[in-house]
Amino acid sequence: MLSKIDTELAFVQSALDLRARRQEILAGNIANSDTPNYKARDLDFAAALKNAIGAEGGPLKMARTASAHIDGASAMTSGGLFKYRSTVQPSLDGNTVDPDIERAHFTENSLHYQFLLDRAASSFKTMNLALGGQ
């Protein structure tokens, strides 16, 4: 029983971490909407979540075999999980950020983040009710 709770909470934690990271990336795109030659980036959320929870459905364990290796938290950036967004209408200065598209993705990601927070709260509420004997 406890392993099911751990698995659920590990999944929600991984998803929340990835949603927060994607929010940072989208905010960076919006902030750089006037920067010449800035390329809009995004996080491939499905691939990143699959990588984070591992093929077995549990948390992915990363091992550092040498002190010069990149730690697990920054390995996401080098694993091809970041994608550059293709431009709908190119600008003359080489910037690929479309503020309307970025705001839409930002809002959508915020809603998903809030859903995950509600899911975590619901899990804790259920555990609290079970422990209280109700």
N, C-alpha and C. Protein backbone atom coordinates (compact mmCIF):
# COMPACT_ATOMS: atom_id res chain seq x y z
N MET A 1 0.82 -1.20 0.00
CA MET A 1 0.00 0.00 0.00
C MET A 1 0.87 1.26 0.00
N LEU A 2 1.90 1.22 0.84
CA LEU A 2 2.76 2.39 0.94
C LEU A 2 3.50 2.66 -0.36
N SER A 3 3.85 1.60 -1.09
CA SER A 3 4.55 1.79 -2.36
C SER A 3 3.65 2.48 -3.39
N LYS A 4 2.35 2.24 -3.34
CA LYS A 4 1.42 2.92 -4.25
C LYS A 4 1.37 4.41 -3.95
N ILE A 5 1.39 4.76 -2.68
CA ILE A 5 1.39 6.16 -2.28
C ILE A 5 2.69 6.83 -2.71
N ASP A 6 3.80 6.14 -2.49
CA ASP A 6 5.10 6.67 -2.92
C ASP A 6 5.15 6.87 -4.42
N THR A 7 4.65 5.91 -5.17
CA THR A 7 4.65 6.00 -6.63
C THR A 7 3.81 7.18 -7.09
N GLU A 8 2.63 7.33 -6.51
CA GLU A 8 1.74 8.44 -6.88
C GLU A 8 2.39 9.79 -6.58
N LEU A 9 2.95 9.92 -5.38
CA LEU A 9 3.56 11.19 -5.00
C LEU A 9 4.83 11.47 -5.79
N ALA A 10 5.59 10.44 -6.13
CA ALA A 10 6.79 10.63 -6.96
C ALA A 10 6.41 11.11 -8.35
N PHE A 11 5.33 10.53 -8.90
CA PHE A 11 4.86 10.97 -10.21
C PHE A 11 4.44 12.44 -10.18
N VAL A 12 3.63 12.80 -9.18
CA VAL A 12 3.15 14.18 -9.08
C VAL A 12 4.33 15.13 -8.87
N GLN A 13 5.29 14.75 -8.05
CA GLN A 13 6.45 15.60 -7.82
C GLN A 13 7.25 15.80 -9.10
N SER A 14 7.47 14.73 -9.85
CA SER A 14 8.21 14.84 -11.12
C SER A 14 7.47 15.72 -12.10
N ALA A 15 6.17 15.53 -12.20
CA ALA A 15 5.37 16.33 -13.12
C ALA A 15 5.37 17.80 -12.71
N LEU A 16 5.25 18.07 -11.42
CA LEU A 16 5.29 19.46 -10.95
C LEU A 16 6.64 20.11 -11.24
N ASP A 17 7.72 19.38 -11.01
CA ASP A 17 9.05 19.92 -11.30
C ASP A 17 9.19 20.27 -12.78
N LEU A 18 8.71 19.38 -13.64
CA LEU A 18 8.81 19.63 -15.08
C LEU A 18 7.91 20.78 -15.52
N ARG A 19 6.73 20.86 -14.95
CA ARG A 19 5.83 21.98 -15.28
C ARG A 19 6.44 23.31 -14.83
N ALA A 20 7.07 23.32 -13.67
CA ALA A 20 7.71 24.55 -13.19
C ALA A 20 8.87 24.93 -14.11
N ARG A 21 9.64 23.94 -14.54
CA ARG A 21 10.76 24.21 -15.46
C ARG A 21 10.25 24.73 -16.79
N ARG A 22 9.15 24.15 -17.29
CA ARG A 22 8.58 24.63 -18.56
C ARG A 22 8.06 26.05 -18.40
N GLN A 23 7.50 26.36 -17.24
CA GLN A 23 7.00 27.72 -16.99
C GLN A 23 8.15 28.72 -17.06
N GLU A 24 9.31 28.36 -16.51
CA GLU A 24 10.49 29.23 -16.57
C GLU A 24 10.93 29.46 -18.01
N ILE A 25 10.91 28.40 -18.80
CA ILE A 25 11.33 28.51 -20.20
C ILE A 25 10.37 29.41 -20.97
N LEU A 26 9.07 29.22 -20.77
CA LEU A 26 8.08 30.05 -21.47
C LEU A 26 8.16 31.50 -21.02
N ALA A 27 8.40 31.73 -19.73
CA ALA A 27 8.57 33.10 -19.24
C ALA A 27 9.80 33.74 -19.87
N GLY A 28 10.86 32.96 -20.04
CA GLY A 28 12.06 33.47 -20.70
C GLY A 28 11.80 33.84 -22.15
N ASN A 29 10.97 33.04 -22.82
CA ASN A 29 10.61 33.37 -24.20
C ASN A 29 9.86 34.70 -24.26
N ILE A 30 8.92 34.88 -23.36
CA ILE A 30 8.14 36.13 -23.34
C ILE A 30 9.04 37.31 -23.02
N ALA A 31 9.94 37.13 -22.06
CA ALA A 31 10.85 38.21 -21.68
C ALA A 31 11.79 38.60 -22.81
N ASN A 32 12.12 37.65 -23.67
CA ASN A 32 13.05 37.92 -24.77
C ASN A 32 12.35 38.11 -26.10
N SER A 33 11.09 38.51 -26.08
CA SER A 33 10.34 38.65 -27.33
C SER A 33 10.89 39.76 -28.23
N ASP A 34 11.66 40.69 -27.68
CA ASP A 34 12.25 41.76 -28.48
C ASP A 34 13.76 41.62 -28.66
N THR A 35 14.33 40.52 -28.22
CA THR A 35 15.77 40.30 -28.33
C THR A 35 16.11 39.79 -29.73
N PRO A 36 16.99 40.49 -30.46
CA PRO A 36 17.35 40.03 -31.80
C PRO A 36 17.99 38.64 -31.77
N ASN A 37 17.62 37.82 -32.74
CA ASN A 37 18.14 36.46 -32.94
C ASN A 37 17.83 35.50 -31.80
N TYR A 38 16.90 35.85 -30.92
CA TYR A 38 16.51 34.92 -29.85
C TYR A 38 15.59 33.87 -30.45
N LYS A 39 15.85 32.62 -30.13
CA LYS A 39 15.05 31.50 -30.63
C LYS A 39 14.16 30.98 -29.50
N ALA A 40 12.86 30.97 -29.75
CA ALA A 40 11.90 30.48 -28.77
C ALA A 40 12.15 29.01 -28.48
N ARG A 41 12.19 28.66 -27.19
CA ARG A 41 12.43 27.29 -26.77
C ARG A 41 11.20 26.75 -26.05
N ASP A 42 11.15 25.45 -25.97
CA ASP A 42 10.09 24.80 -25.21
C ASP A 42 10.62 23.47 -24.70
N LEU A 43 9.93 22.91 -23.75
CA LEU A 43 10.30 21.63 -23.16
C LEU A 43 9.34 20.59 -23.71
N ASP A 44 9.87 19.51 -24.22
CA ASP A 44 9.04 18.39 -24.66
C ASP A 44 8.58 17.68 -23.39
N PHE A 45 7.41 18.10 -22.88
CA PHE A 45 6.95 17.65 -21.57
C PHE A 45 6.75 16.14 -21.52
N ALA A 46 6.14 15.57 -22.56
CA ALA A 46 5.87 14.13 -22.55
C ALA A 46 7.16 13.33 -22.48
N ALA A 47 8.15 13.71 -23.29
CA ALA A 47 9.43 13.00 -23.28
C ALA A 47 10.16 13.21 -21.96
N ALA A 48 10.10 14.43 -21.43
CA ALA A 48 10.77 14.72 -20.17
C ALA A 48 10.14 13.94 -19.01
N LEU A 49 8.82 13.85 -18.99
CA LEU A 49 8.14 13.09 -17.93
C LEU A 49 8.45 11.60 -18.06
N LYS A 50 8.45 11.10 -19.28
CA LYS A 50 8.78 9.69 -19.49
C LYS A 50 10.20 9.41 -19.01
N ASN A 51 11.11 10.33 -19.29
CA ASN A 51 12.49 10.19 -18.85
C ASN A 51 12.59 10.29 -17.33
N ALA A 52 11.81 11.17 -16.73
CA ALA A 52 11.89 11.39 -15.29
C ALA A 52 11.35 10.21 -14.49
N ILE A 53 10.28 9.59 -14.95
CA ILE A 53 9.72 8.47 -14.20
C ILE A 53 10.31 7.15 -14.61
N GLY A 54 11.05 7.13 -15.71
CA GLY A 54 11.70 5.90 -16.16
C GLY A 54 10.74 4.97 -16.86
N ALA A 55 11.29 4.01 -17.54
CA ALA A 55 10.47 3.06 -18.30
C ALA A 55 9.66 2.15 -17.39
N GLU A 56 10.13 1.93 -16.17
CA GLU A 56 9.45 1.02 -15.25
C GLU A 56 8.33 1.70 -14.48
N GLY A 57 8.18 3.03 -14.64
CA GLY A 57 7.14 3.73 -13.93
C GLY A 57 7.60 4.30 -12.60
N GLY A 58 8.85 4.07 -12.22
CA GLY A 58 9.38 4.61 -10.98
C GLY A 58 10.34 5.73 -11.28
N PRO A 59 10.83 6.41 -10.26
CA PRO A 59 11.75 7.50 -10.48
C PRO A 59 13.05 7.01 -11.14
N LEU A 60 13.55 7.80 -12.05
CA LEU A 60 14.78 7.45 -12.74
C LEU A 60 15.96 7.75 -11.83
N LYS A 61 16.80 6.77 -11.62
CA LYS A 61 17.97 6.94 -10.78
C LYS A 61 19.15 7.28 -11.66
N MET A 62 19.79 8.42 -11.40
CA MET A 62 20.95 8.83 -12.17
C MET A 62 22.19 8.58 -11.33
N ALA A 63 23.22 8.07 -11.96
CA ALA A 63 24.45 7.78 -11.25
C ALA A 63 25.58 8.61 -11.84
N ARG A 64 26.36 9.23 -10.97
CA ARG A 64 27.55 9.96 -11.39
C ARG A 64 28.74 9.08 -11.08
N THR A 65 29.44 8.67 -12.13
CA THR A 65 30.59 7.80 -11.94
C THR A 65 31.89 8.58 -11.85
N ALA A 66 31.83 9.87 -12.14
CA ALA A 66 33.02 10.73 -12.03
C ALA A 66 32.56 12.11 -11.60
N SER A 67 33.42 12.83 -10.90
CA SER A 67 33.04 14.15 -10.39
C SER A 67 32.82 15.16 -11.50
N ALA A 68 33.35 14.92 -12.69
CA ALA A 68 33.18 15.85 -13.81
C ALA A 68 31.87 15.64 -14.56
N HIS A 69 31.13 14.58 -14.23
CA HIS A 69 29.86 14.33 -14.92
C HIS A 69 28.80 15.32 -14.49
N ILE A 70 27.86 15.55 -15.38
CA ILE A 70 26.74 16.45 -15.10
C ILE A 70 25.79 15.75 -14.15
N ASP A 71 25.25 16.49 -13.17
CA ASP A 71 24.31 15.87 -12.25
C ASP A 71 22.96 15.66 -12.92
N GLY A 72 22.10 14.88 -12.28
CA GLY A 72 20.82 14.51 -12.87
C GLY A 72 19.90 15.66 -13.14
N ALA A 73 19.94 16.72 -12.33
CA ALA A 73 19.02 17.84 -12.52
C ALA A 73 19.31 18.60 -13.80
N SER A 74 20.60 18.73 -14.16
CA SER A 74 20.89 19.45 -15.38
C SER A 74 21.01 18.55 -16.59
N ALA A 75 20.86 17.26 -16.40
CA ALA A 75 20.95 16.35 -17.54
C ALA A 75 19.76 16.52 -18.48
N MET A 76 18.65 17.08 -17.98
CA MET A 76 17.49 17.31 -18.83
C MET A 76 17.84 18.22 -20.00
N THR A 77 18.68 19.20 -19.77
CA THR A 77 18.97 20.16 -20.81
C THR A 77 19.77 19.56 -21.94
N SER A 78 20.55 18.52 -21.68
CA SER A 78 21.39 17.95 -22.72
C SER A 78 20.77 16.71 -23.37
N GLY A 79 19.63 16.28 -22.89
CA GLY A 79 19.04 15.05 -23.40
C GLY A 79 18.14 15.23 -24.59
N GLY A 80 18.15 16.38 -25.24
CA GLY A 80 17.30 16.60 -26.39
C GLY A 80 15.86 16.87 -26.02
N LEU A 81 15.59 17.19 -24.76
CA LEU A 81 14.22 17.44 -24.34
C LEU A 81 13.79 18.87 -24.63
N PHE A 82 14.76 19.75 -24.84
CA PHE A 82 14.43 21.11 -25.22
C PHE A 82 14.27 21.18 -26.72
N LYS A 83 13.25 21.85 -27.16
CA LYS A 83 12.99 22.00 -28.58
C LYS A 83 12.90 23.49 -28.90
N TYR A 84 13.33 23.83 -30.10
CA TYR A 84 13.15 25.19 -30.56
C TYR A 84 11.84 25.25 -31.33
N ARG A 85 11.05 26.26 -30.99
CA ARG A 85 9.75 26.40 -31.63
C ARG A 85 9.92 26.97 -33.03
N SER A 86 9.25 26.35 -33.99
CA SER A 86 9.30 26.89 -35.35
C SER A 86 8.44 28.16 -35.41
N THR A 87 8.89 29.08 -36.20
CA THR A 87 8.23 30.37 -36.26
C THR A 87 7.03 30.36 -37.21
N VAL A 88 5.97 31.04 -36.81
CA VAL A 88 4.79 31.16 -37.65
C VAL A 88 5.00 32.29 -38.66
N GLN A 89 5.51 33.39 -38.15
CA GLN A 89 5.79 34.53 -39.01
C GLN A 89 7.17 35.06 -38.62
N PRO A 90 8.19 34.80 -39.45
CA PRO A 90 9.54 35.22 -39.08
C PRO A 90 9.68 36.74 -39.00
N SER A 91 10.55 37.18 -38.09
CA SER A 91 10.80 38.61 -37.97
C SER A 91 12.12 38.95 -38.65
N LEU A 92 12.31 40.20 -38.95
CA LEU A 92 13.52 40.63 -39.65
C LEU A 92 14.77 40.49 -38.80
N ASP A 93 14.62 40.58 -37.48
CA ASP A 93 15.80 40.50 -36.61
C ASP A 93 16.14 39.07 -36.19
N GLY A 94 15.44 38.07 -36.72
CA GLY A 94 15.76 36.67 -36.43
C GLY A 94 15.10 36.12 -35.18
N ASN A 95 14.29 36.90 -34.50
CA ASN A 95 13.60 36.46 -33.29
C ASN A 95 12.42 35.58 -33.70
N THR A 96 12.27 34.41 -33.04
CA THR A 96 11.19 33.49 -33.38
C THR A 96 10.07 33.47 -32.35
N VAL A 97 10.07 34.41 -31.41
CA VAL A 97 9.05 34.44 -30.36
C VAL A 97 7.80 35.12 -30.87
N ASP A 98 6.67 34.43 -30.77
CA ASP A 98 5.37 35.03 -31.03
C ASP A 98 4.70 35.20 -29.67
N PRO A 99 4.59 36.44 -29.18
CA PRO A 99 4.07 36.64 -27.81
C PRO A 99 2.70 36.02 -27.57
N ASP A 100 1.82 36.03 -28.57
CA ASP A 100 0.49 35.46 -28.37
C ASP A 100 0.57 33.94 -28.16
N ILE A 101 1.38 33.27 -28.95
CA ILE A 101 1.54 31.82 -28.80
C ILE A 101 2.19 31.50 -27.46
N GLU A 102 3.19 32.27 -27.08
CA GLU A 102 3.89 32.02 -25.81
C GLU A 102 2.95 32.22 -24.62
N ARG A 103 2.13 33.26 -24.67
CA ARG A 103 1.17 33.49 -23.58
C ARG A 103 0.14 32.36 -23.50
N ALA A 104 -0.28 31.85 -24.66
CA ALA A 104 -1.23 30.74 -24.67
C ALA A 104 -0.61 29.49 -24.04
N HIS A 105 0.64 29.19 -24.41
CA HIS A 105 1.33 28.04 -23.82
C HIS A 105 1.58 28.26 -22.33
N PHE A 106 1.90 29.48 -21.94
CA PHE A 106 2.12 29.82 -20.54
C PHE A 106 0.86 29.57 -19.72
N THR A 107 -0.28 30.02 -20.25
CA THR A 107 -1.56 29.84 -19.56
C THR A 107 -1.94 28.36 -19.48
N GLU A 108 -1.76 27.63 -20.57
CA GLU A 108 -2.06 26.20 -20.58
C GLU A 108 -1.19 25.47 -19.56
N ASN A 109 0.09 25.79 -19.53
CA ASN A 109 1.00 25.14 -18.58
C ASN A 109 0.61 25.48 -17.14
N SER A 110 0.17 26.70 -16.90
CA SER A 110 -0.29 27.10 -15.56
C SER A 110 -1.49 26.27 -15.11
N LEU A 111 -2.41 26.03 -16.03
CA LEU A 111 -3.58 25.22 -15.71
C LEU A 111 -3.19 23.78 -15.36
N HIS A 112 -2.26 23.22 -16.13
CA HIS A 112 -1.78 21.87 -15.84
C HIS A 112 -1.07 21.82 -14.49
N TYR A 113 -0.30 22.84 -14.19
CA TYR A 113 0.41 22.92 -12.91
C TYR A 113 -0.60 22.97 -11.75
N GLN A 114 -1.64 23.79 -11.92
CA GLN A 114 -2.66 23.89 -10.87
C GLN A 114 -3.39 22.57 -10.69
N PHE A 115 -3.66 21.86 -11.79
CA PHE A 115 -4.29 20.54 -11.70
C PHE A 115 -3.43 19.59 -10.88
N LEU A 116 -2.12 19.60 -11.13
CA LEU A 116 -1.22 18.71 -10.39
C LEU A 116 -1.19 19.07 -8.91
N LEU A 117 -1.23 20.36 -8.59
CA LEU A 117 -1.30 20.77 -7.18
C LEU A 117 -2.58 20.27 -6.53
N ASP A 118 -3.70 20.37 -7.25
CA ASP A 118 -4.97 19.88 -6.73
C ASP A 118 -4.94 18.36 -6.54
N ARG A 119 -4.28 17.67 -7.46
CA ARG A 119 -4.16 16.21 -7.35
C ARG A 119 -3.35 15.83 -6.11
N ALA A 120 -2.26 16.55 -5.88
CA ALA A 120 -1.45 16.28 -4.68
C ALA A 120 -2.25 16.56 -3.41
N ALA A 121 -2.96 17.68 -3.40
CA ALA A 121 -3.78 18.02 -2.23
C ALA A 121 -4.85 16.97 -1.99
N SER A 122 -5.45 16.47 -3.06
CA SER A 122 -6.47 15.44 -2.93
C SER A 122 -5.88 14.15 -2.36
N SER A 123 -4.67 13.81 -2.79
CA SER A 123 -4.02 12.60 -2.26
C SER A 123 -3.75 12.74 -0.77
N PHE A 124 -3.28 13.91 -0.36
CA PHE A 124 -3.02 14.13 1.07
C PHE A 124 -4.32 14.15 1.87
N LYS A 125 -5.37 14.69 1.29
CA LYS A 125 -6.66 14.73 1.99
C LYS A 125 -7.19 13.30 2.17
N THR A 126 -7.05 12.49 1.14
CA THR A 126 -7.49 11.10 1.22
C THR A 126 -6.71 10.34 2.29
N MET A 127 -5.38 10.55 2.33
CA MET A 127 -4.56 9.90 3.36
C MET A 127 -4.95 10.37 4.75
N ASN A 128 -5.22 11.65 4.89
CA ASN A 128 -5.62 12.20 6.18
C ASN A 128 -6.95 11.59 6.65
N LEU A 129 -7.89 11.44 5.72
CA LEU A 129 -9.18 10.82 6.07
C LEU A 129 -8.99 9.36 6.46
N ALA A 130 -8.11 8.66 5.74
CA ALA A 130 -7.87 7.25 6.04
C ALA A 130 -7.21 7.09 7.40
N LEU A 131 -6.29 7.97 7.72
CA LEU A 131 -5.61 7.91 9.02
C LEU A 131 -6.53 8.29 10.16
N GLY A 132 -7.51 9.16 9.85
CA GLY A 132 -8.46 9.58 10.86
C GLY A 132 -9.59 8.58 11.09
N GLY A 133 -9.63 7.53 10.28
CA GLY A 133 -10.65 6.48 10.46
C GLY A 133 -12.00 6.85 9.89
N GLN A 134 -12.04 7.75 8.92
CA GLN A 134 -13.33 8.16 8.37
C GLN A 134 -13.56 7.55 7.01
